[in-house]
Amino acid sequence: MQLYIVRELVSLISASPKEPKVIVNISNPGFCRSNIMREATGAWKLFIDTLKVILARTTEVGGRTVVAGVERGKESHGQYLNDCQVDT
């Protein structure tokens, strides 16, 4: 849903006769290890901790995708960034 909203916003910005002063893109940092679920208990905590060990990346690596989205130029306007690369 978020991707569709961003793409619609980009089409509205791009339809303007003036050159856009902002670049809108969307970045996916992925599943990162953090303390956001620190209050989970029981089976839910075990499940989340297991997923973190198997799938999660560090918050530093996840943050790189966000930074890549910020530093990209006009070519990334309206694009989806995954692992620091433009993805479709």
C-alpha atoms as a PDB file:
ATOM      1  CA  MET A   1       0.000   0.000   0.000  1.00  0.00           C
ATOM      2  CA  GLN A   2       2.837   2.341   0.906  1.00  0.00           C
ATOM      3  CA  LEU A   3       4.472   1.795  -2.483  1.00  0.00           C
ATOM      4  CA  TYR A   4       1.250   2.667  -4.328  1.00  0.00           C
ATOM      5  CA  ILE A   5       0.818   5.838  -2.279  1.00  0.00           C
ATOM      6  CA  VAL A   6       4.393   6.944  -2.985  1.00  0.00           C
ATOM      7  CA  ARG A   7       4.020   6.230  -6.711  1.00  0.00           C
ATOM      8  CA  GLU A   8       0.795   8.251  -6.847  1.00  0.00           C
ATOM      9  CA  LEU A   9       2.489  11.120  -5.017  1.00  0.00           C
ATOM     10  CA  VAL A  10       5.371  10.976  -7.503  1.00  0.00           C
ATOM     11  CA  SER A  11       2.997  11.081 -10.465  1.00  0.00           C
ATOM     12  CA  LEU A  12       1.292  14.164  -9.015  1.00  0.00           C
ATOM     13  CA  ILE A  13       4.635  15.879  -8.417  1.00  0.00           C
ATOM     14  CA  SER A  14       5.917  14.926 -11.879  1.00  0.00           C
ATOM     15  CA  ALA A  15       2.753  16.216 -13.578  1.00  0.00           C
ATOM     16  CA  SER A  16       3.595  19.734 -12.437  1.00  0.00           C
ATOM     17  CA  PRO A  17       5.005  21.940 -15.217  1.00  0.00           C
ATOM     18  CA  LYS A  18       7.801  23.053 -12.873  1.00  0.00           C
ATOM     19  CA  GLU A  19      10.800  20.861 -12.180  1.00  0.00           C
ATOM     20  CA  PRO A  20      10.250  19.085  -8.846  1.00  0.00           C
ATOM     21  CA  LYS A  21      12.218  20.488  -5.932  1.00  0.00           C
ATOM     22  CA  VAL A  22      11.931  17.251  -3.988  1.00  0.00           C
ATOM     23  CA  ILE A  23      12.837  13.689  -4.847  1.00  0.00           C
ATOM     24  CA  VAL A  24      10.465  11.093  -3.454  1.00  0.00           C
ATOM     25  CA  ASN A  25      11.488   7.459  -3.254  1.00  0.00           C
ATOM     26  CA  ILE A  26      10.856   4.576  -0.924  1.00  0.00           C
ATOM     27  CA  SER A  27      13.537   2.459   0.725  1.00  0.00           C
ATOM     28  CA  ASN A  28      13.293  -0.936   2.366  1.00  0.00           C
ATOM     29  CA  PRO A  29      15.782  -1.423   5.208  1.00  0.00           C
ATOM     30  CA  GLY A  30      14.615  -5.013   5.664  1.00  0.00           C
ATOM     31  CA  PHE A  31      14.224  -6.940   8.904  1.00  0.00           C
ATOM     32  CA  CYS A  32      16.783  -5.489  11.320  1.00  0.00           C
ATOM     33  CA  ARG A  33      17.911  -6.566  14.777  1.00  0.00           C
ATOM     34  CA  SER A  34      16.766  -3.971  17.260  1.00  0.00           C
ATOM     35  CA  ASN A  35      15.097  -3.665  20.634  1.00  0.00           C
ATOM     36  CA  ILE A  36      11.684  -2.785  19.244  1.00  0.00           C
ATOM     37  CA  MET A  37      10.217  -6.058  20.575  1.00  0.00           C
ATOM     38  CA  ARG A  38      12.007  -5.878  23.948  1.00  0.00           C
ATOM     39  CA  GLU A  39       8.776  -6.308  25.904  1.00  0.00           C
ATOM     40  CA  ALA A  40       7.672  -9.481  24.102  1.00  0.00           C
ATOM     41  CA  THR A  41       7.322 -12.546  26.317  1.00  0.00           C
ATOM     42  CA  GLY A  42       6.851 -16.279  26.065  1.00  0.00           C
ATOM     43  CA  ALA A  43       6.424 -18.045  22.737  1.00  0.00           C
ATOM     44  CA  TRP A  44       6.194 -14.749  20.858  1.00  0.00           C
ATOM     45  CA  LYS A  45       9.625 -13.670  22.161  1.00  0.00           C
ATOM     46  CA  LEU A  46      11.114 -17.055  21.249  1.00  0.00           C
ATOM     47  CA  PHE A  47       9.623 -16.789  17.758  1.00  0.00           C
ATOM     48  CA  ILE A  48      10.941 -13.242  17.190  1.00  0.00           C
ATOM     49  CA  ASP A  49      14.385 -14.084  18.593  1.00  0.00           C
ATOM     50  CA  THR A  50      14.602 -17.136  16.310  1.00  0.00           C
ATOM     51  CA  LEU A  51      13.674 -15.044  13.277  1.00  0.00           C
ATOM     52  CA  LYS A  52      16.286 -12.458  14.244  1.00  0.00           C
ATOM     53  CA  VAL A  53      19.019 -15.107  14.344  1.00  0.00           C
ATOM     54  CA  ILE A  54      18.004 -16.574  10.984  1.00  0.00           C
ATOM     55  CA  LEU A  55      16.872 -13.562   8.925  1.00  0.00           C
ATOM     56  CA  ALA A  56      17.703 -10.231  10.520  1.00  0.00           C
ATOM     57  CA  ARG A  57      20.474  -7.896   9.486  1.00  0.00           C
ATOM     58  CA  THR A  58      22.125  -5.341  11.736  1.00  0.00           C
ATOM     59  CA  THR A  59      20.548  -1.929  12.040  1.00  0.00           C
ATOM     60  CA  GLU A  60      23.725  -0.490  10.498  1.00  0.00           C
ATOM     61  CA  VAL A  61      23.236  -2.521   7.318  1.00  0.00           C
ATOM     62  CA  GLY A  62      19.525  -1.670   7.236  1.00  0.00           C
ATOM     63  CA  GLY A  63      20.350   1.996   7.691  1.00  0.00           C
ATOM     64  CA  ARG A  64      22.556   1.949   4.601  1.00  0.00           C
ATOM     65  CA  THR A  65      19.495   1.529   2.397  1.00  0.00           C
ATOM     66  CA  VAL A  66      17.861   4.547   4.007  1.00  0.00           C
ATOM     67  CA  VAL A  67      21.017   6.617   3.497  1.00  0.00           C
ATOM     68  CA  ALA A  68      21.289   5.390  -0.106  1.00  0.00           C
ATOM     69  CA  GLY A  69      17.753   6.646  -0.697  1.00  0.00           C
ATOM     70  CA  VAL A  70      18.658  10.065   0.656  1.00  0.00           C
ATOM     71  CA  GLU A  71      21.848  10.448  -1.367  1.00  0.00           C
ATOM     72  CA  ARG A  72      20.402   9.303  -4.707  1.00  0.00           C
ATOM     73  CA  GLY A  73      19.725  11.878  -7.358  1.00  0.00           C
ATOM     74  CA  LYS A  74      16.858  12.495  -9.758  1.00  0.00           C
ATOM     75  CA  GLU A  75      17.206   9.026 -11.297  1.00  0.00           C
ATOM     76  CA  SER A  76      15.706   7.520  -8.132  1.00  0.00           C
ATOM     77  CA  HIS A  77      12.607   9.761  -8.150  1.00  0.00           C
ATOM     78  CA  GLY A  78       9.613   7.485  -7.611  1.00  0.00           C
ATOM     79  CA  GLN A  79      11.691   4.320  -7.319  1.00  0.00           C
ATOM     80  CA  TYR A  80      11.742   1.520  -4.756  1.00  0.00           C
ATOM     81  CA  LEU A  81      15.164   0.906  -3.191  1.00  0.00           C
ATOM     82  CA  ASN A  82      15.993  -2.529  -1.841  1.00  0.00           C
ATOM     83  CA  ASP A  83      19.504  -3.355  -0.592  1.00  0.00           C
ATOM     84  CA  CYS A  84      20.718   0.069  -1.813  1.00  0.00           C
ATOM     85  CA  GLN A  85      19.671  -0.742  -5.398  1.00  0.00           C
ATOM     86  CA  VAL A  86      16.722   0.467  -7.445  1.00  0.00           C
ATOM     87  CA  ASP A  87      14.235  -2.400  -7.597  1.00  0.00           C
ATOM     88  CA  THR A  88      10.986  -2.753  -9.524  1.00  0.00           C
END
